[in-house]
Amino acid sequence: MFFLLSVSTPDGEQKPFIFLSRMVDILVYGVMILSIITVPLYPKWVKEKWIINLSFFCLSSFLIYLGTRNQVRTQYSESIIKLDVNSKEYIKKIEYYGEYNKVRSISFTCKNKKDSIWTTFDEDGSLIKQEKYKDDTLVEKIK
């Protein structure tokens, strides 16, 4: 799935990494739930190897705590605007950092192909990169 997302998403998007991070979250929550469920289902095993179960529970709880503490910083929101320019339909996509509601990236597509200038910013609002595309081909790296 990660490979398919990386092939099908435009350059400025982070969907493969967001998918991967969510899969890690699911894994951590799953380990925690399994460590809780094993206590009533396998009491004999838990009595003998309680340290293993307790360590999985503590580790997953700690990772969940860290994830919820930093969750606001990793969330992104987006808005999509359809534009008609010279009888061509462009889609302007603006991604925002969740915590600060500052612009993360601005991208344009025309017929599902990269077009115009793609811009990416960091959390402080500083320009990271800017590239110009025409029909899904990189024309110029501005920065």
N, C-alpha and C. Protein backbone atom coordinates (compact mmCIF):
# COMPACT_ATOMS: atom_id res chain seq x y z
N MET A 1 0.83 -1.19 0.00
CA MET A 1 0.00 0.00 0.00
C MET A 1 0.88 1.26 0.00
N PHE A 2 1.94 1.24 0.77
CA PHE A 2 2.85 2.39 0.85
C PHE A 2 3.41 2.71 -0.52
N PHE A 3 3.81 1.68 -1.26
CA PHE A 3 4.36 1.88 -2.60
C PHE A 3 3.32 2.48 -3.54
N LEU A 4 2.09 1.98 -3.50
CA LEU A 4 1.03 2.49 -4.37
C LEU A 4 0.74 3.96 -4.07
N LEU A 5 0.73 4.33 -2.79
CA LEU A 5 0.50 5.72 -2.43
C LEU A 5 1.64 6.62 -2.91
N SER A 6 2.86 6.12 -2.82
CA SER A 6 3.99 6.96 -3.23
C SER A 6 4.02 7.17 -4.74
N VAL A 7 3.52 6.21 -5.50
CA VAL A 7 3.49 6.35 -6.95
C VAL A 7 2.35 7.27 -7.38
N SER A 8 1.23 7.21 -6.65
CA SER A 8 0.04 7.93 -7.10
C SER A 8 -0.13 9.32 -6.52
N THR A 9 0.76 9.77 -5.66
CA THR A 9 0.60 11.10 -5.08
C THR A 9 1.60 12.08 -5.68
N PRO A 10 1.17 13.32 -5.88
CA PRO A 10 2.09 14.33 -6.41
C PRO A 10 3.24 14.62 -5.45
N ASP A 11 4.24 15.31 -5.92
CA ASP A 11 5.50 15.50 -5.20
C ASP A 11 5.36 16.17 -3.84
N GLY A 12 4.53 17.17 -3.71
CA GLY A 12 4.45 17.91 -2.45
C GLY A 12 3.64 17.24 -1.37
N GLU A 13 2.93 16.18 -1.70
CA GLU A 13 2.04 15.55 -0.73
C GLU A 13 2.79 14.54 0.12
N GLN A 14 2.27 14.31 1.31
CA GLN A 14 2.90 13.41 2.26
C GLN A 14 2.01 12.21 2.57
N LYS A 15 1.09 11.83 1.70
CA LYS A 15 0.15 10.76 1.99
C LYS A 15 0.81 9.42 2.33
N PRO A 16 1.89 9.02 1.63
CA PRO A 16 2.50 7.74 2.02
C PRO A 16 3.02 7.75 3.45
N PHE A 17 3.59 8.87 3.88
CA PHE A 17 4.13 8.93 5.23
C PHE A 17 3.03 9.05 6.27
N ILE A 18 1.94 9.73 5.92
CA ILE A 18 0.80 9.80 6.83
C ILE A 18 0.20 8.42 6.99
N PHE A 19 0.08 7.67 5.89
CA PHE A 19 -0.43 6.30 5.95
C PHE A 19 0.47 5.43 6.82
N LEU A 20 1.78 5.54 6.63
CA LEU A 20 2.72 4.76 7.42
C LEU A 20 2.63 5.11 8.91
N SER A 21 2.51 6.39 9.22
CA SER A 21 2.41 6.78 10.63
C SER A 21 1.12 6.27 11.26
N ARG A 22 0.04 6.25 10.49
CA ARG A 22 -1.22 5.72 11.03
C ARG A 22 -1.13 4.22 11.24
N MET A 23 -0.40 3.52 10.38
CA MET A 23 -0.23 2.08 10.57
C MET A 23 0.57 1.79 11.84
N VAL A 24 1.55 2.63 12.13
CA VAL A 24 2.32 2.49 13.37
C VAL A 24 1.40 2.70 14.57
N ASP A 25 0.52 3.70 14.48
CA ASP A 25 -0.44 3.94 15.56
C ASP A 25 -1.33 2.73 15.79
N ILE A 26 -1.83 2.16 14.70
CA ILE A 26 -2.70 0.97 14.81
C ILE A 26 -1.94 -0.18 15.45
N LEU A 27 -0.69 -0.36 15.08
CA LEU A 27 0.13 -1.42 15.66
C LEU A 27 0.32 -1.22 17.16
N VAL A 28 0.61 0.00 17.57
CA VAL A 28 0.83 0.29 18.99
C VAL A 28 -0.45 0.07 19.79
N TYR A 29 -1.58 0.55 19.28
CA TYR A 29 -2.86 0.33 19.97
C TYR A 29 -3.19 -1.17 20.02
N GLY A 30 -2.89 -1.88 18.93
CA GLY A 30 -3.14 -3.32 18.91
C GLY A 30 -2.32 -4.07 19.95
N VAL A 31 -1.06 -3.70 20.11
CA VAL A 31 -0.21 -4.34 21.13
C VAL A 31 -0.77 -4.07 22.53
N MET A 32 -1.23 -2.86 22.76
CA MET A 32 -1.79 -2.53 24.07
C MET A 32 -3.06 -3.34 24.34
N ILE A 33 -3.95 -3.42 23.36
CA ILE A 33 -5.18 -4.18 23.53
C ILE A 33 -4.88 -5.66 23.74
N LEU A 34 -3.93 -6.20 22.99
CA LEU A 34 -3.57 -7.60 23.18
C LEU A 34 -2.97 -7.87 24.56
N SER A 35 -2.18 -6.93 25.05
CA SER A 35 -1.60 -7.13 26.38
C SER A 35 -2.68 -7.08 27.46
N ILE A 36 -3.75 -6.36 27.24
CA ILE A 36 -4.86 -6.34 28.20
C ILE A 36 -5.71 -7.59 28.08
N ILE A 37 -6.00 -8.01 26.84
CA ILE A 37 -6.86 -9.17 26.61
C ILE A 37 -6.21 -10.47 27.07
N THR A 38 -4.90 -10.58 27.01
CA THR A 38 -4.24 -11.83 27.40
C THR A 38 -4.40 -12.15 28.87
N VAL A 39 -4.63 -11.14 29.71
CA VAL A 39 -4.76 -11.39 31.15
C VAL A 39 -5.96 -12.30 31.45
N PRO A 40 -7.19 -12.00 30.99
CA PRO A 40 -8.29 -12.93 31.29
C PRO A 40 -8.32 -14.18 30.41
N LEU A 41 -7.77 -14.08 29.20
CA LEU A 41 -7.82 -15.23 28.29
C LEU A 41 -6.77 -16.29 28.60
N TYR A 42 -5.60 -15.86 29.03
CA TYR A 42 -4.49 -16.79 29.30
C TYR A 42 -3.88 -16.49 30.67
N PRO A 43 -4.64 -16.72 31.73
CA PRO A 43 -4.14 -16.37 33.07
C PRO A 43 -2.91 -17.19 33.48
N LYS A 44 -2.85 -18.43 33.06
CA LYS A 44 -1.71 -19.27 33.43
C LYS A 44 -0.42 -18.74 32.78
N TRP A 45 -0.49 -18.40 31.51
CA TRP A 45 0.68 -17.86 30.82
C TRP A 45 1.09 -16.53 31.43
N VAL A 46 0.11 -15.68 31.76
CA VAL A 46 0.41 -14.37 32.34
C VAL A 46 1.06 -14.53 33.71
N LYS A 47 0.63 -15.54 34.48
CA LYS A 47 1.25 -15.77 35.78
C LYS A 47 2.72 -16.13 35.65
N GLU A 48 3.04 -16.92 34.64
CA GLU A 48 4.42 -17.35 34.45
C GLU A 48 5.28 -16.25 33.80
N LYS A 49 4.73 -15.54 32.83
CA LYS A 49 5.51 -14.57 32.06
C LYS A 49 4.88 -13.19 32.15
N TRP A 50 4.57 -12.77 33.33
CA TRP A 50 3.90 -11.49 33.54
C TRP A 50 4.78 -10.30 33.14
N ILE A 51 6.09 -10.48 33.25
CA ILE A 51 7.00 -9.37 32.94
C ILE A 51 6.94 -8.99 31.45
N ILE A 52 6.75 -10.00 30.59
CA ILE A 52 6.64 -9.75 29.15
C ILE A 52 5.37 -8.95 28.87
N ASN A 53 4.27 -9.40 29.44
CA ASN A 53 2.99 -8.73 29.23
C ASN A 53 3.03 -7.30 29.79
N LEU A 54 3.60 -7.14 30.97
CA LEU A 54 3.69 -5.82 31.58
C LEU A 54 4.59 -4.89 30.77
N SER A 55 5.68 -5.42 30.24
CA SER A 55 6.58 -4.57 29.45
C SER A 55 5.91 -4.11 28.15
N PHE A 56 5.15 -5.01 27.47
CA PHE A 56 4.42 -4.61 26.27
C PHE A 56 3.37 -3.55 26.60
N PHE A 57 2.68 -3.73 27.72
CA PHE A 57 1.66 -2.77 28.13
C PHE A 57 2.29 -1.41 28.42
N CYS A 58 3.38 -1.40 29.18
CA CYS A 58 4.04 -0.14 29.53
C CYS A 58 4.61 0.56 28.31
N LEU A 59 5.26 -0.20 27.43
CA LEU A 59 5.84 0.38 26.22
C LEU A 59 4.77 0.98 25.33
N SER A 60 3.70 0.24 25.09
CA SER A 60 2.64 0.77 24.22
C SER A 60 1.93 1.96 24.87
N SER A 61 1.75 1.94 26.19
CA SER A 61 1.13 3.08 26.88
C SER A 61 2.01 4.32 26.74
N PHE A 62 3.31 4.15 26.89
CA PHE A 62 4.23 5.27 26.76
C PHE A 62 4.22 5.84 25.35
N LEU A 63 4.22 4.97 24.34
CA LEU A 63 4.18 5.42 22.96
C LEU A 63 2.87 6.13 22.63
N ILE A 64 1.77 5.64 23.18
CA ILE A 64 0.47 6.30 22.97
C ILE A 64 0.49 7.67 23.63
N TYR A 65 1.06 7.76 24.82
CA TYR A 65 1.16 9.05 25.51
C TYR A 65 1.98 10.04 24.67
N LEU A 66 3.12 9.59 24.16
CA LEU A 66 3.95 10.48 23.33
C LEU A 66 3.22 10.89 22.05
N GLY A 67 2.50 9.96 21.47
CA GLY A 67 1.77 10.25 20.24
C GLY A 67 0.65 11.24 20.44
N THR A 68 -0.09 11.13 21.54
CA THR A 68 -1.17 12.07 21.78
C THR A 68 -0.63 13.44 22.18
N ARG A 69 0.52 13.46 22.82
CA ARG A 69 1.12 14.74 23.20
C ARG A 69 1.58 15.53 21.97
N ASN A 70 2.08 14.83 20.95
CA ASN A 70 2.58 15.49 19.74
C ASN A 70 1.59 15.41 18.58
N GLN A 71 0.39 14.92 18.83
CA GLN A 71 -0.56 14.69 17.75
C GLN A 71 -0.96 15.96 17.03
N VAL A 72 -1.09 17.04 17.74
CA VAL A 72 -1.53 18.29 17.13
C VAL A 72 -0.51 18.76 16.09
N ARG A 73 0.75 18.54 16.32
CA ARG A 73 1.79 19.02 15.40
C ARG A 73 1.83 18.22 14.11
N THR A 74 1.36 16.95 14.13
CA THR A 74 1.47 16.13 12.94
C THR A 74 0.20 16.14 12.09
N GLN A 75 -0.85 16.79 12.54
CA GLN A 75 -2.08 16.80 11.77
C GLN A 75 -2.04 17.92 10.74
N TYR A 76 -2.59 17.62 9.58
CA TYR A 76 -2.65 18.60 8.52
C TYR A 76 -4.10 18.71 8.06
N SER A 77 -4.47 19.89 7.66
CA SER A 77 -5.76 20.08 7.03
C SER A 77 -5.52 20.63 5.64
N GLU A 78 -6.54 20.56 4.81
CA GLU A 78 -6.36 21.02 3.45
C GLU A 78 -7.64 21.63 2.93
N SER A 79 -7.48 22.49 1.94
CA SER A 79 -8.63 23.03 1.23
C SER A 79 -8.36 22.91 -0.25
N ILE A 80 -9.41 22.63 -0.99
CA ILE A 80 -9.28 22.43 -2.43
C ILE A 80 -10.18 23.44 -3.13
N ILE A 81 -9.61 24.15 -4.10
CA ILE A 81 -10.33 25.18 -4.83
C ILE A 81 -10.23 24.86 -6.32
N LYS A 82 -11.38 24.87 -7.01
CA LYS A 82 -11.38 24.65 -8.45
C LYS A 82 -11.36 26.00 -9.15
N LEU A 83 -10.45 26.13 -10.11
CA LEU A 83 -10.29 27.38 -10.85
C LEU A 83 -10.43 27.11 -12.35
N ASP A 84 -11.07 28.02 -13.06
CA ASP A 84 -11.13 27.95 -14.52
C ASP A 84 -10.30 29.09 -15.09
N VAL A 85 -9.22 28.72 -15.79
CA VAL A 85 -8.33 29.70 -16.39
C VAL A 85 -8.16 29.33 -17.87
N ASN A 86 -8.53 30.25 -18.75
CA ASN A 86 -8.41 30.01 -20.20
C ASN A 86 -9.05 28.69 -20.61
N SER A 87 -10.24 28.44 -20.14
CA SER A 87 -11.03 27.23 -20.42
C SER A 87 -10.34 25.94 -19.96
N LYS A 88 -9.39 26.03 -19.06
CA LYS A 88 -8.78 24.86 -18.42
C LYS A 88 -9.18 24.84 -16.96
N GLU A 89 -9.48 23.66 -16.46
CA GLU A 89 -9.86 23.54 -15.06
C GLU A 89 -8.64 23.16 -14.22
N TYR A 90 -8.28 24.03 -13.30
CA TYR A 90 -7.17 23.79 -12.40
C TYR A 90 -7.71 23.51 -11.01
N ILE A 91 -7.00 22.69 -10.27
CA ILE A 91 -7.34 22.43 -8.88
C ILE A 91 -6.19 22.94 -8.03
N LYS A 92 -6.52 23.89 -7.17
CA LYS A 92 -5.53 24.46 -6.25
C LYS A 92 -5.74 23.81 -4.89
N LYS A 93 -4.68 23.21 -4.39
CA LYS A 93 -4.75 22.52 -3.10
C LYS A 93 -3.83 23.24 -2.12
N ILE A 94 -4.40 23.61 -0.98
CA ILE A 94 -3.62 24.28 0.06
C ILE A 94 -3.66 23.40 1.31
N GLU A 95 -2.49 22.99 1.79
CA GLU A 95 -2.39 22.21 3.02
C GLU A 95 -1.95 23.13 4.15
N TYR A 96 -2.49 22.89 5.33
CA TYR A 96 -2.17 23.72 6.50
C TYR A 96 -1.58 22.85 7.60
N TYR A 97 -0.66 23.43 8.39
CA TYR A 97 -0.21 22.79 9.61
C TYR A 97 -1.35 22.87 10.60
N GLY A 98 -1.64 21.75 11.29
CA GLY A 98 -2.80 21.69 12.16
C GLY A 98 -2.75 22.61 13.35
N GLU A 99 -1.63 22.67 14.04
CA GLU A 99 -1.54 23.43 15.29
C GLU A 99 -1.59 24.92 15.05
N TYR A 100 -0.89 25.39 14.04
CA TYR A 100 -0.74 26.83 13.84
C TYR A 100 -1.67 27.38 12.77
N ASN A 101 -2.31 26.49 12.02
CA ASN A 101 -3.17 26.88 10.89
C ASN A 101 -2.41 27.76 9.90
N LYS A 102 -1.13 27.46 9.73
CA LYS A 102 -0.30 28.16 8.75
C LYS A 102 -0.20 27.30 7.50
N VAL A 103 0.03 27.94 6.37
CA VAL A 103 0.11 27.23 5.10
C VAL A 103 1.34 26.32 5.09
N ARG A 104 1.12 25.07 4.69
CA ARG A 104 2.19 24.07 4.58
C ARG A 104 2.65 23.94 3.14
N SER A 105 1.67 23.86 2.21
CA SER A 105 2.03 23.76 0.80
C SER A 105 0.88 24.27 -0.07
N ILE A 106 1.25 24.72 -1.26
CA ILE A 106 0.27 25.16 -2.26
C ILE A 106 0.65 24.45 -3.56
N SER A 107 -0.33 23.76 -4.14
CA SER A 107 -0.05 23.02 -5.36
C SER A 107 -1.20 23.18 -6.35
N PHE A 108 -0.89 23.02 -7.62
CA PHE A 108 -1.89 23.13 -8.69
C PHE A 108 -1.81 21.89 -9.57
N THR A 109 -2.99 21.42 -9.98
CA THR A 109 -3.05 20.31 -10.93
C THR A 109 -4.05 20.67 -12.02
N CYS A 110 -3.80 20.14 -13.19
CA CYS A 110 -4.70 20.29 -14.33
C CYS A 110 -4.81 18.93 -15.00
N LYS A 111 -5.99 18.37 -15.03
CA LYS A 111 -6.22 17.02 -15.57
C LYS A 111 -5.35 15.99 -14.85
N ASN A 112 -5.31 16.09 -13.53
CA ASN A 112 -4.53 15.18 -12.66
C ASN A 112 -3.04 15.19 -12.96
N LYS A 113 -2.55 16.27 -13.51
CA LYS A 113 -1.12 16.42 -13.76
C LYS A 113 -0.63 17.68 -13.05
N LYS A 114 0.58 17.62 -12.55
CA LYS A 114 1.17 18.79 -11.89
C LYS A 114 1.28 19.93 -12.88
N ASP A 115 0.92 21.11 -12.39
CA ASP A 115 0.99 22.27 -13.25
C ASP A 115 1.26 23.50 -12.39
N SER A 116 1.82 24.51 -12.98
CA SER A 116 2.10 25.79 -12.32
C SER A 116 3.17 25.63 -11.25
N ILE A 117 3.16 26.55 -10.29
CA ILE A 117 4.21 26.58 -9.25
C ILE A 117 3.73 25.84 -8.00
N TRP A 118 4.56 24.91 -7.54
CA TRP A 118 4.31 24.16 -6.30
C TRP A 118 5.23 24.72 -5.23
N THR A 119 4.65 25.10 -4.11
CA THR A 119 5.40 25.76 -3.05
C THR A 119 5.21 25.00 -1.74
N THR A 120 6.30 24.83 -0.98
CA THR A 120 6.26 24.17 0.32
C THR A 120 6.91 25.07 1.36
N PHE A 121 6.24 25.19 2.53
CA PHE A 121 6.72 26.04 3.62
C PHE A 121 6.95 25.19 4.86
N ASP A 122 7.83 25.66 5.77
CA ASP A 122 7.98 24.99 7.06
C ASP A 122 6.99 25.62 8.05
N GLU A 123 7.03 25.12 9.30
CA GLU A 123 6.06 25.58 10.30
C GLU A 123 6.22 27.05 10.65
N ASP A 124 7.39 27.61 10.41
CA ASP A 124 7.61 29.03 10.70
C ASP A 124 7.16 29.93 9.55
N GLY A 125 6.77 29.35 8.43
CA GLY A 125 6.34 30.13 7.28
C GLY A 125 7.46 30.40 6.29
N SER A 126 8.65 29.86 6.55
CA SER A 126 9.78 30.06 5.63
C SER A 126 9.63 29.13 4.43
N LEU A 127 10.03 29.59 3.29
CA LEU A 127 9.95 28.83 2.06
C LEU A 127 10.97 27.70 2.07
N ILE A 128 10.51 26.47 1.86
CA ILE A 128 11.40 25.31 1.79
C ILE A 128 11.81 25.06 0.35
N LYS A 129 10.79 24.92 -0.53
CA LYS A 129 11.10 24.71 -1.94
C LYS A 129 9.97 25.24 -2.80
N GLN A 130 10.34 25.56 -4.02
CA GLN A 130 9.38 26.05 -4.99
C GLN A 130 9.79 25.51 -6.35
N GLU A 131 8.85 24.85 -7.02
CA GLU A 131 9.13 24.23 -8.30
C GLU A 131 8.02 24.57 -9.29
N LYS A 132 8.41 24.71 -10.55
CA LYS A 132 7.45 25.02 -11.60
C LYS A 132 7.25 23.78 -12.47
N TYR A 133 5.98 23.40 -12.69
CA TYR A 133 5.65 22.22 -13.49
C TYR A 133 4.78 22.61 -14.67
N LYS A 134 4.88 21.82 -15.72
CA LYS A 134 4.02 21.95 -16.89
C LYS A 134 3.71 20.55 -17.39
N ASP A 135 2.44 20.17 -17.38
CA ASP A 135 1.99 18.85 -17.81
C ASP A 135 2.77 17.74 -17.11
N ASP A 136 2.87 17.82 -15.80
CA ASP A 136 3.49 16.79 -14.95
C ASP A 136 5.01 16.68 -15.12
N THR A 137 5.63 17.67 -15.76
CA THR A 137 7.07 17.68 -15.98
C THR A 137 7.66 18.86 -15.26
N LEU A 138 8.75 18.62 -14.55
CA LEU A 138 9.45 19.70 -13.84
C LEU A 138 10.13 20.60 -14.87
N VAL A 139 9.72 21.87 -14.87
CA VAL A 139 10.29 22.84 -15.80
C VAL A 139 11.47 23.56 -15.17
N GLU A 140 11.29 23.95 -13.91
CA GLU A 140 12.33 24.76 -13.26
C GLU A 140 12.22 24.60 -11.75
N LYS A 141 13.39 24.46 -11.10
CA LYS A 141 13.45 24.50 -9.64
C LYS A 141 13.75 25.94 -9.25
N ILE A 142 12.74 26.61 -8.69
CA ILE A 142 12.92 28.01 -8.33
C ILE A 142 13.73 28.11 -7.06
N LYS A 143 13.46 27.26 -6.10
CA LYS A 143 14.26 27.20 -4.89
C LYS A 143 14.37 25.78 -4.42
